[in-house]
């Protein structure tokens, strides 16, 4: 009969010596007797880890950065649009420009806006989206690899916790058996068919078995802590680990496993994606030998306002008065020499309140009464000729990275073939070991039962009983370890292939 890897796999050991006295009560922690245990399967443990393990979540966040980089690469195909708004306050006073003194008796307020459109494109602009798409695929492959590695680690920790639990239950049944043998030794001593030495030996055997049980419980508690640490969640107060895997599950042949590993192993898939990125990076670096086209245009406007409008009015009035005086003087000279003159028209040259109002209105520009700036558009084609061999260096570095990526893929393929083959061979050995340990455990169980019956009727000594019980305990311990080593070997093979196999 194939052993089932269930909660309580070692409980049958409690029935070897005295079926009624076996106490399969160990659950790997201080579980309350009246508490209903919460079942946790191995698949549920893996799912919880993939949602809560902080290291894996950190790796998974890389997908967001890769997605943003891809969007940015597509954005490089579009023109860039920028806008600016500037305000300035300048105190009145003397200033120098190119050695010329400029002065203003009023503070000045200015504002300016600009909306610019720039478009820059070259060969790398078109390759960038392809590079980033390949990078997204590589990042997703890395995440898949980290996901599978986490699943493999959780499966190993889960099986380790189950293994230590089975050993705990084995030790619990052995404690019960030792207690029964102690009671039997005392009873035989009371009726004169046994000795006090047998009683003392039984007490020592019970104490040693209790120590072994205590240590087994502690190890199971530690294994559970490690499991939930890997899962990234706090350990519940009452949890039961359950699984129904069988020894001897049908698995694909080695050739099919190797083919699946070459196609599906996340590690090799990630390296192939990195190789694609390296190939496209070489093409991108070589586009630096191509010309770059840059187009620019935009709209804008400005304002210029004197804080004291009276400065403009006084300046305009002074200019008007000067023009009136100049007109009068000129026409009087013409009149004096007998030339025709327009002296009467000089009276029309005067500064009116309407002119002052117009100046005030025209001065009220700040901050948003913009005067449009002249439109412009520019186009530029640039071709890099020589940059001190920096461009050639970048191209060669990209070529070297591409070659290294190819070597990494080849190296991983060779390692993968060896890993899968070794895991498959280890699995076959583990399967055969389970069968042998099953036979050994069955024989040890029969021997213990026979010696117990002999001791009960006085045909065997307590030393014989102790020796048989130790041989049985070792055989059961080896059987349990063989079973879980088999399932760990299956998990290792699944990790090497990169997918579940059962």
Protein backbone atom coordinates (compact mmCIF):
# COMPACT_ATOMS: atom_id res chain seq x y z
CA UNK A 1 0.00 0.00 0.00
CA UNK A 2 1.39 3.40 -0.95
CA UNK A 3 1.90 5.65 2.08
CA UNK A 4 -0.17 8.83 1.97
CA UNK A 5 1.52 12.04 3.03
CA UNK A 6 -1.24 13.23 5.33
CA UNK A 7 -1.52 14.91 8.67
CA UNK A 8 -0.85 12.02 11.10
CA UNK A 9 1.35 9.95 8.79
CA UNK A 10 3.25 8.49 11.74
CA UNK A 11 0.23 7.86 13.95
CA UNK A 12 0.20 4.17 12.94
CA UNK A 13 3.37 3.75 14.98
CA UNK A 14 1.32 4.33 18.13
CA UNK A 15 -0.57 1.10 17.49
CA UNK A 16 2.52 -1.12 17.37
CA UNK A 17 2.93 -1.86 21.05
CA UNK A 18 -0.41 -0.99 22.59
CA UNK A 19 -3.12 0.35 20.30
CA UNK A 20 -5.19 1.75 23.14
CA UNK A 21 -2.39 3.75 24.70
CA UNK A 22 -1.16 5.59 21.59
CA UNK A 23 -1.70 9.35 21.92
CA UNK A 24 -1.36 11.07 18.54
CA UNK A 25 -1.90 14.46 20.18
CA UNK A 26 1.07 16.48 18.91
CA UNK A 27 0.22 19.21 16.40
CA UNK A 28 3.49 21.09 16.43
CA UNK A 29 2.42 23.76 18.91
CA UNK A 30 0.35 24.62 21.94
CA UNK A 31 -3.02 23.97 20.31
CA UNK A 32 -6.03 24.25 22.54
CA UNK A 33 -7.93 20.96 22.79
CA UNK A 34 -11.26 22.60 21.98
CA UNK A 35 -9.96 24.73 19.11
CA UNK A 36 -10.90 23.74 15.58
CA UNK A 37 -7.73 23.58 13.47
CA UNK A 38 -7.50 25.62 10.28
CA UNK A 39 -6.33 23.49 7.35
CA UNK A 40 -3.58 24.89 5.11
CA UNK A 41 -2.67 22.99 1.96
CA UNK A 42 0.67 23.31 0.22
CA UNK A 43 -0.92 25.14 -2.71
CA UNK A 44 -2.57 27.62 -0.34
CA UNK A 45 0.78 28.20 1.36
CA UNK A 46 2.39 28.95 -2.02
CA UNK A 47 -0.44 31.34 -2.94
CA UNK A 48 -0.15 33.18 0.36
CA UNK A 49 3.60 33.53 -0.08
CA UNK A 50 3.19 34.96 -3.57
CA UNK A 51 0.84 37.62 -2.18
CA UNK A 52 2.75 38.46 1.00
CA UNK A 53 6.45 37.62 0.75
CA UNK A 54 8.18 41.05 0.83
CA UNK A 55 11.22 39.97 -1.19
CA UNK A 56 9.03 38.64 -3.99
CA UNK A 57 6.82 41.74 -3.91
CA UNK A 58 9.96 43.87 -4.28
CA UNK A 59 10.90 41.91 -7.40
CA UNK A 60 7.36 42.14 -8.75
CA UNK A 61 7.45 45.94 -8.46
CA UNK A 62 10.10 45.97 -11.20
CA UNK A 63 7.29 45.33 -13.68
CA UNK A 64 5.86 48.78 -12.94
CA UNK A 65 9.17 50.47 -13.73
CA UNK A 66 9.53 48.47 -16.94
CA UNK A 67 5.98 49.39 -17.99
CA UNK A 68 6.65 53.08 -17.38
CA UNK A 69 9.90 52.86 -19.37
CA UNK A 70 7.96 51.33 -22.28
CA UNK A 71 5.40 54.12 -22.18
CA UNK A 72 8.20 56.68 -22.10
CA UNK A 73 9.79 55.05 -25.17
CA UNK A 74 6.52 55.40 -27.07
CA UNK A 75 6.29 58.97 -25.82
CA UNK A 76 9.61 59.66 -27.56
CA UNK A 77 7.76 59.29 -30.89
CA UNK A 78 5.62 62.31 -30.00
CA UNK A 79 6.64 65.99 -29.90
CA UNK A 80 7.38 67.62 -26.56
CA UNK A 81 5.17 70.49 -25.44
CA UNK A 82 6.18 72.95 -22.75
CA UNK A 83 4.72 76.18 -21.39
CA UNK A 84 6.19 78.93 -19.26
CA UNK A 85 4.92 82.09 -17.58
CA UNK A 86 7.37 84.67 -16.23
CA UNK A 87 6.82 87.77 -14.12
CA UNK A 88 9.41 90.45 -13.33
CA UNK A 89 9.57 93.61 -11.25
CA UNK A 90 12.35 96.12 -11.91
CA UNK A 91 13.08 99.14 -9.80
CA UNK A 92 13.51 102.47 -11.57
CA UNK A 93 16.98 103.99 -11.79
CA UNK A 94 20.06 104.20 -13.93
CA UNK A 95 21.23 101.11 -15.84
CA UNK A 96 24.02 100.52 -18.33
CA UNK A 97 23.67 98.50 -21.53
CA UNK A 98 26.72 98.13 -23.78
CA UNK A 99 28.26 101.14 -22.09
CA UNK A 100 25.20 103.30 -22.67
CA UNK A 101 23.41 104.75 -19.66
CA UNK A 102 19.71 104.04 -19.57
CA UNK A 103 17.49 105.52 -16.94
CA UNK A 104 13.85 105.34 -15.99
CA UNK A 105 12.13 107.33 -13.25
CA UNK A 106 9.43 104.68 -12.70
CA UNK A 107 9.44 101.09 -11.55
CA UNK A 108 8.62 98.60 -14.30
CA UNK A 109 6.52 95.40 -14.19
CA UNK A 110 6.87 92.81 -16.94
CA UNK A 111 5.37 89.41 -17.75
CA UNK A 112 5.94 86.92 -20.52
CA UNK A 113 4.47 83.60 -21.63
CA UNK A 114 5.67 81.01 -24.08
CA UNK A 115 4.21 77.74 -25.40
CA UNK A 116 6.83 75.76 -27.26
CA UNK A 117 6.62 72.65 -29.42
CA UNK A 118 9.81 70.61 -29.96
CA UNK A 119 10.25 67.42 -31.95
CA UNK A 120 13.49 65.48 -32.02
CA UNK A 121 13.80 62.19 -33.86
CA UNK A 122 16.52 59.81 -35.02
CA UNK A 123 17.02 56.07 -35.53
CA UNK A 124 17.20 55.33 -31.80
CA UNK A 125 13.75 56.87 -31.34
CA UNK A 126 12.16 54.09 -33.41
CA UNK A 127 14.18 51.28 -31.80
CA UNK A 128 13.57 52.40 -28.21
CA UNK A 129 10.02 50.94 -27.98
CA UNK A 130 11.30 47.56 -29.22
CA UNK A 131 14.08 47.63 -26.64
CA UNK A 132 11.67 48.44 -23.84
CA UNK A 133 9.16 45.79 -24.96
CA UNK A 134 11.94 43.22 -24.80
CA UNK A 135 12.93 44.58 -21.40
CA UNK A 136 9.34 44.22 -20.16
CA UNK A 137 9.37 40.59 -21.31
CA UNK A 138 12.69 40.06 -19.51
CA UNK A 139 11.41 41.64 -16.30
CA UNK A 140 8.26 39.50 -16.44
CA UNK A 141 10.44 36.44 -16.94
CA UNK A 142 12.54 37.46 -13.92
CA UNK A 143 9.34 37.79 -11.89
CA UNK A 144 8.18 34.37 -13.06
CA UNK A 145 11.55 32.95 -12.02
CA UNK A 146 11.33 34.59 -8.60
CA UNK A 147 7.77 33.29 -8.28
CA UNK A 148 8.81 29.73 -9.03
CA UNK A 149 11.83 30.01 -6.71
CA UNK A 150 9.56 31.22 -3.93
CA UNK A 151 7.09 28.40 -4.60
CA UNK A 152 9.94 25.86 -4.45
CA UNK A 153 11.21 27.30 -1.17
CA UNK A 154 7.71 27.25 0.36
CA UNK A 155 7.16 23.65 -0.77
CA UNK A 156 10.46 22.59 0.80
CA UNK A 157 9.67 24.40 4.06
CA UNK A 158 6.12 22.99 4.07
CA UNK A 159 7.42 19.44 3.61
CA UNK A 160 10.08 20.01 6.28
CA UNK A 161 7.38 21.12 8.71
CA UNK A 162 5.30 18.04 7.88
CA UNK A 163 8.37 15.84 8.26
CA UNK A 164 9.19 17.19 11.71
CA UNK A 165 5.52 16.85 12.65
CA UNK A 166 5.52 13.19 11.61
CA UNK A 167 8.66 12.62 13.67
CA UNK A 168 6.97 14.37 16.60
CA UNK A 169 3.99 12.06 16.35
CA UNK A 170 6.33 9.08 16.14
CA UNK A 171 8.06 10.20 19.34
CA UNK A 172 4.69 10.79 20.97
CA UNK A 173 3.67 7.18 20.21
CA UNK A 174 7.02 5.97 21.53
CA UNK A 175 6.43 7.89 24.78
CA UNK A 176 3.08 6.17 25.09
CA UNK A 177 4.73 2.81 24.42
CA UNK A 178 7.47 3.51 26.98
CA UNK A 179 4.81 4.45 29.55
CA UNK A 180 3.01 1.15 28.95
CA UNK A 181 6.26 -0.80 29.32
CA UNK A 182 7.02 1.03 32.56
CA UNK A 183 3.62 0.06 33.96
CA UNK A 184 4.20 -3.53 32.83
CA UNK A 185 7.64 -3.64 34.48
CA UNK A 186 6.17 -2.33 37.74
CA UNK A 187 3.39 -4.88 37.61
CA UNK A 188 5.87 -7.73 37.02
CA UNK A 189 8.04 -6.48 39.86
CA UNK A 190 5.07 -6.51 42.23
CA UNK A 191 4.18 -10.12 41.40
CA UNK A 192 7.80 -11.23 41.56
CA UNK A 193 8.32 -12.03 37.88
CA UNK A 194 10.33 -8.88 37.27
CA UNK A 195 13.09 -6.95 38.98
CA UNK A 196 13.54 -3.43 40.30
CA UNK A 197 16.34 -2.99 37.75
CA UNK A 198 13.81 -3.48 34.94
CA UNK A 199 11.60 -0.80 36.50
CA UNK A 200 14.53 1.63 36.68
CA UNK A 201 15.49 0.90 33.11
CA UNK A 202 11.90 1.49 32.02
CA UNK A 203 11.86 4.81 33.86
CA UNK A 204 15.11 5.87 32.15
CA UNK A 205 13.75 4.81 28.77
CA UNK A 206 10.58 6.83 29.37
CA UNK A 207 12.56 9.89 30.40
CA UNK A 208 14.80 9.69 27.35
CA UNK A 209 11.81 9.30 25.09
CA UNK A 210 10.13 12.32 26.68
CA UNK A 211 13.27 14.37 26.02
CA UNK A 212 13.23 13.22 22.38
CA UNK A 213 9.56 14.21 22.14
CA UNK A 214 10.27 17.64 23.62
CA UNK A 215 13.04 18.25 21.11
CA UNK A 216 10.90 17.01 18.22
CA UNK A 217 8.08 19.38 19.21
CA UNK A 218 10.52 22.27 19.43
CA UNK A 219 11.92 21.47 15.98
CA UNK A 220 8.42 21.31 14.54
CA UNK A 221 7.59 24.72 16.04
CA UNK A 222 10.77 26.16 14.48
CA UNK A 223 10.00 24.61 11.09
CA UNK A 224 6.52 26.12 11.16
CA UNK A 225 7.96 29.53 12.04
CA UNK A 226 10.33 29.31 9.09
CA UNK A 227 7.46 28.31 6.82
CA UNK A 228 5.28 31.27 7.77
CA UNK A 229 8.27 33.58 7.60
CA UNK A 230 8.72 32.47 3.99
CA UNK A 231 5.02 33.01 3.40
CA UNK A 232 5.26 36.57 4.74
CA UNK A 233 2.35 36.23 7.19
CA UNK A 234 2.02 35.72 10.93
CA UNK A 235 1.55 32.14 12.05
CA UNK A 236 -2.04 31.45 13.20
CA UNK A 237 -2.59 30.07 16.67
CA UNK A 238 -4.07 26.82 15.37
CA UNK A 239 -3.15 25.65 11.89
CA UNK A 240 -3.03 22.19 10.36
CA UNK A 241 -0.77 21.34 7.41
CA UNK A 242 -2.36 18.85 5.04
CA UNK A 243 -1.43 17.31 1.71
CA UNK A 244 -2.29 14.14 -0.19
CA UNK A 245 0.75 13.50 -2.39
CA UNK A 246 1.62 9.85 -2.87
CA UNK A 247 4.92 8.07 -3.22
CA UNK A 248 5.11 6.73 -6.76
CA UNK A 249 3.08 9.41 -8.54
CA UNK A 250 3.37 9.00 -12.29
CA UNK A 251 5.81 11.53 -13.74
CA UNK A 252 6.89 12.17 -17.35
CA UNK A 253 10.05 10.46 -18.64
CA UNK A 254 13.39 12.25 -18.43
CA UNK A 255 13.45 13.25 -22.12
CA UNK A 256 10.07 15.01 -21.79
CA UNK A 257 11.21 16.71 -18.59
CA UNK A 258 14.33 18.05 -20.29
CA UNK A 259 12.28 19.40 -23.18
CA UNK A 260 9.81 21.06 -20.80
CA UNK A 261 12.67 22.61 -18.86
CA UNK A 262 14.27 24.06 -22.01
CA UNK A 263 10.94 25.62 -23.01
CA UNK A 264 9.43 26.64 -19.67
CA UNK A 265 12.08 27.07 -17.01
CA UNK A 266 11.71 30.71 -15.88
CA UNK A 267 15.46 31.16 -15.47
CA UNK A 268 16.30 30.18 -19.04
CA UNK A 269 13.33 32.16 -20.37
CA UNK A 270 14.57 35.25 -18.53
CA UNK A 271 18.09 34.86 -19.93
CA UNK A 272 16.73 34.51 -23.45
CA UNK A 273 14.73 37.69 -22.94
CA UNK A 274 17.89 39.44 -21.75
CA UNK A 275 19.61 38.26 -24.91
CA UNK A 276 16.84 39.87 -26.98
CA UNK A 277 17.34 43.11 -25.07
CA UNK A 278 21.08 42.96 -25.73
CA UNK A 279 20.53 42.43 -29.48
CA UNK A 280 18.24 45.45 -29.70
CA UNK A 281 20.60 47.53 -27.58
CA UNK A 282 23.37 46.96 -30.14
CA UNK A 283 21.05 48.22 -32.90
CA UNK A 284 20.10 51.22 -30.78
CA UNK A 285 23.73 52.17 -30.13
CA UNK A 286 24.55 51.93 -33.85
CA UNK A 287 21.87 54.50 -34.66
CA UNK A 288 24.16 57.13 -33.16
CA UNK A 289 25.80 57.19 -36.61
CA UNK A 290 22.52 58.44 -38.15
CA UNK A 291 21.44 62.12 -38.35
CA UNK A 292 19.03 63.72 -35.89
CA UNK A 293 16.16 65.99 -36.98
CA UNK A 294 15.00 68.69 -34.56
CA UNK A 295 11.92 70.89 -35.17
CA UNK A 296 10.89 73.77 -32.91
CA UNK A 297 8.05 76.27 -32.94
CA UNK A 298 5.82 78.05 -30.48
CA UNK A 299 3.75 81.08 -29.57
CA UNK A 300 4.36 83.71 -26.93
CA UNK A 301 3.62 87.23 -25.73
CA UNK A 302 4.86 89.90 -23.36
CA UNK A 303 3.72 92.86 -21.26
CA UNK A 304 5.64 96.00 -20.17
CA UNK A 305 4.02 98.35 -17.69
CA UNK A 306 5.34 101.33 -15.77
CA UNK A 307 4.16 101.20 -12.21
CA UNK A 308 3.70 105.05 -12.25
CA UNK A 309 1.56 105.95 -15.26
CA UNK A 310 2.26 109.65 -14.57
CA UNK A 311 5.84 109.05 -15.78
CA UNK A 312 4.55 108.27 -19.30
CA UNK A 313 2.08 111.16 -19.22
CA UNK A 314 4.71 113.66 -18.08
CA UNK A 315 7.14 112.36 -20.69
CA UNK A 316 4.54 112.58 -23.47
CA UNK A 317 3.43 116.05 -22.32
CA UNK A 318 7.03 117.27 -22.29
CA UNK A 319 7.56 115.92 -25.78
CA UNK A 320 4.36 117.59 -27.00
CA UNK A 321 5.34 120.96 -25.46
CA UNK A 322 8.79 120.69 -27.02
CA UNK A 323 7.20 120.01 -30.41
CA UNK A 324 4.88 123.05 -29.97
CA UNK A 325 7.78 125.32 -29.07
CA UNK A 326 9.84 124.04 -32.01
CA UNK A 327 6.92 124.62 -34.39
CA UNK A 328 6.37 128.19 -33.17
CA UNK A 329 10.04 129.05 -33.41
CA UNK A 330 10.31 127.64 -36.92
CA UNK A 331 7.20 129.42 -38.21
CA UNK A 332 8.22 132.77 -36.65
CA UNK A 333 11.54 132.62 -38.46
CA UNK A 334 9.74 131.94 -41.73
CA UNK A 335 7.39 134.85 -41.04
CA UNK A 336 10.31 137.19 -40.28
CA UNK A 337 12.00 136.50 -43.60
CA UNK A 338 8.75 136.80 -45.54
CA UNK A 339 8.24 133.14 -46.26
CA UNK A 340 4.87 131.44 -46.07
CA UNK A 341 4.20 129.99 -42.60
CA UNK A 342 1.65 127.95 -40.66
CA UNK A 343 2.08 129.65 -37.32
CA UNK A 344 -1.62 129.34 -36.58
CA UNK A 345 -1.48 125.57 -36.92
CA UNK A 346 1.12 125.29 -34.15
CA UNK A 347 -1.69 125.89 -31.70
CA UNK A 348 -3.03 122.45 -32.58
CA UNK A 349 0.09 120.86 -31.13
CA UNK A 350 -1.06 120.42 -27.54
CA UNK A 351 -1.31 117.58 -24.97
CA UNK A 352 -4.96 116.77 -24.22
CA UNK A 353 -6.62 114.81 -21.40
CA UNK A 354 -7.71 112.23 -23.98
CA UNK A 355 -4.10 111.56 -24.83
CA UNK A 356 -3.36 111.09 -21.13
CA UNK A 357 -6.25 108.61 -20.84
CA UNK A 358 -4.96 106.64 -23.85
CA UNK A 359 -1.51 106.45 -22.32
CA UNK A 360 -2.93 105.17 -19.03
CA UNK A 361 -4.96 102.52 -20.92
CA UNK A 362 -2.02 101.41 -23.04
CA UNK A 363 0.20 101.17 -19.93
CA UNK A 364 -2.26 98.86 -18.13
CA UNK A 365 -0.84 95.55 -19.51
CA UNK A 366 0.59 93.66 -16.53
CA UNK A 367 0.11 90.79 -15.97
CA UNK A 368 -2.08 89.27 -18.70
CA UNK A 369 -2.64 91.85 -21.45
CA UNK A 370 0.00 90.26 -23.64
CA UNK A 371 1.34 91.65 -26.87
CA UNK A 372 1.91 88.66 -29.23
CA UNK A 373 5.49 87.86 -30.15
CA UNK A 374 6.38 87.18 -33.78
CA UNK A 375 5.86 83.57 -34.85
CA UNK A 376 8.86 81.42 -35.68
CA UNK A 377 9.70 77.86 -36.70
CA UNK A 378 13.12 76.25 -36.91
CA UNK A 379 14.45 72.98 -38.30
CA UNK A 380 17.87 71.47 -37.68
CA UNK A 381 19.60 68.35 -38.93
CA UNK A 382 22.69 67.30 -37.02
CA UNK A 383 25.14 64.53 -37.81
CA UNK A 384 27.74 63.57 -35.20
CA UNK A 385 31.16 63.20 -36.78
CA UNK A 386 33.65 62.61 -33.99
CA UNK A 387 33.21 62.51 -30.21
CA UNK A 388 36.55 61.14 -29.08
CA UNK A 389 35.64 57.49 -29.82
CA UNK A 390 32.96 57.55 -27.07
CA UNK A 391 30.33 56.41 -29.57
CA UNK A 392 32.49 53.51 -30.75
CA UNK A 393 33.10 52.52 -27.13
CA UNK A 394 29.38 52.38 -26.38
CA UNK A 395 28.75 50.26 -29.47
CA UNK A 396 31.49 47.79 -28.56
CA UNK A 397 30.26 47.59 -24.97
CA UNK A 398 26.79 46.74 -26.28
CA UNK A 399 28.28 44.05 -28.54
CA UNK A 400 30.19 42.54 -25.61
CA UNK A 401 27.02 42.55 -23.50
CA UNK A 402 25.20 40.74 -26.30
CA UNK A 403 27.89 38.06 -26.50
CA UNK A 404 27.86 37.64 -22.71
CA UNK A 405 24.08 37.26 -22.82
CA UNK A 406 24.46 34.45 -25.37
CA UNK A 407 27.08 32.74 -23.24
CA UNK A 408 24.84 33.02 -20.19
CA UNK A 409 21.99 31.34 -22.06
CA UNK A 410 24.25 28.51 -23.17
CA UNK A 411 25.69 28.08 -19.69
CA UNK A 412 22.22 27.99 -18.17
CA UNK A 413 21.03 25.43 -20.73
CA UNK A 414 23.91 23.12 -19.83
CA UNK A 415 23.33 23.60 -16.10
CA UNK A 416 19.60 23.07 -16.57
CA UNK A 417 20.16 19.75 -18.32
CA UNK A 418 22.44 18.61 -15.51
CA UNK A 419 20.07 19.86 -12.79
CA UNK A 420 17.02 18.15 -14.26
CA UNK A 421 18.89 14.91 -14.87
CA UNK A 422 20.37 14.92 -11.36
CA UNK A 423 17.01 15.70 -9.79
CA UNK A 424 15.38 12.90 -11.80
CA UNK A 425 18.04 10.38 -10.72
CA UNK A 426 17.74 11.51 -7.10
CA UNK A 427 13.99 11.07 -7.33
CA UNK A 428 14.33 7.50 -8.59
CA UNK A 429 16.77 6.72 -5.79
CA UNK A 430 14.45 8.29 -3.23
CA UNK A 431 11.55 6.20 -4.52
CA UNK A 432 13.55 2.98 -4.15
CA UNK A 433 14.73 4.09 -0.70
CA UNK A 434 11.14 4.51 0.41
CA UNK A 435 10.32 0.95 -0.64
CA UNK A 436 13.32 -0.45 1.26
CA UNK A 437 12.62 1.62 4.35
CA UNK A 438 9.01 0.46 4.29
CA UNK A 439 10.22 -3.13 4.42
CA UNK A 440 12.71 -2.36 7.20
CA UNK A 441 10.07 -0.56 9.25
CA UNK A 442 7.60 -3.44 8.82
CA UNK A 443 10.20 -5.96 9.98
CA UNK A 444 11.19 -3.79 12.95
CA UNK A 445 7.53 -3.45 13.88
CA UNK A 446 7.06 -7.22 13.80
CA UNK A 447 10.22 -7.74 15.85
CA UNK A 448 9.09 -5.23 18.48
CA UNK A 449 5.68 -6.85 18.70
CA UNK A 450 7.27 -10.28 19.11
CA UNK A 451 9.71 -9.12 21.81
CA UNK A 452 6.92 -7.32 23.67
CA UNK A 453 4.89 -10.51 23.71
CA UNK A 454 7.96 -12.47 24.87
CA UNK A 455 8.68 -9.94 27.62
CA UNK A 456 5.08 -10.02 28.81
CA UNK A 457 5.32 -13.78 29.48
CA UNK A 458 8.88 -13.63 30.81
CA UNK A 459 10.68 -15.14 27.83
CA UNK A 460 12.66 -11.96 27.02
CA UNK A 461 14.54 -9.44 29.13
CA UNK A 462 13.90 -5.74 29.34
CA UNK A 463 17.23 -5.16 27.59
CA UNK A 464 15.89 -7.15 24.63
CA UNK A 465 12.75 -4.98 24.68
CA UNK A 466 14.77 -1.75 24.81
CA UNK A 467 16.96 -2.86 21.92
CA UNK A 468 13.96 -3.80 19.80
CA UNK A 469 12.19 -0.53 20.55
CA UNK A 470 15.32 1.45 19.60
CA UNK A 471 15.61 -0.49 16.34
CA UNK A 472 11.94 0.11 15.62
CA UNK A 473 12.25 3.85 16.39
CA UNK A 474 15.23 4.15 14.06
CA UNK A 475 13.47 2.21 11.31
CA UNK A 476 10.34 4.36 11.60
CA UNK A 477 12.46 7.51 11.68
CA UNK A 478 14.25 6.39 8.51
CA UNK A 479 10.96 5.53 6.83
CA UNK A 480 9.47 8.92 7.57
CA UNK A 481 12.59 10.70 6.37
CA UNK A 482 12.65 8.59 3.22
CA UNK A 483 9.03 9.49 2.41
CA UNK A 484 9.58 13.21 2.85
CA UNK A 485 12.92 13.11 1.07
CA UNK A 486 11.06 11.61 -1.87
CA UNK A 487 8.55 14.46 -1.90
CA UNK A 488 11.34 17.00 -1.52
CA UNK A 489 13.05 15.36 -4.50
CA UNK A 490 9.83 15.80 -6.50
CA UNK A 491 9.73 19.46 -5.45
CA UNK A 492 13.37 19.88 -6.50
CA UNK A 493 12.60 18.33 -9.90
CA UNK A 494 9.60 20.64 -10.31
CA UNK A 495 11.81 23.61 -9.48
CA UNK A 496 14.39 22.54 -12.07
CA UNK A 497 11.74 22.00 -14.75
CA UNK A 498 9.95 25.22 -13.82
CA UNK A 499 6.39 23.89 -13.47
CA UNK A 500 4.33 21.55 -11.23
CA UNK A 501 4.45 17.88 -12.24
CA UNK A 502 1.57 16.46 -10.18
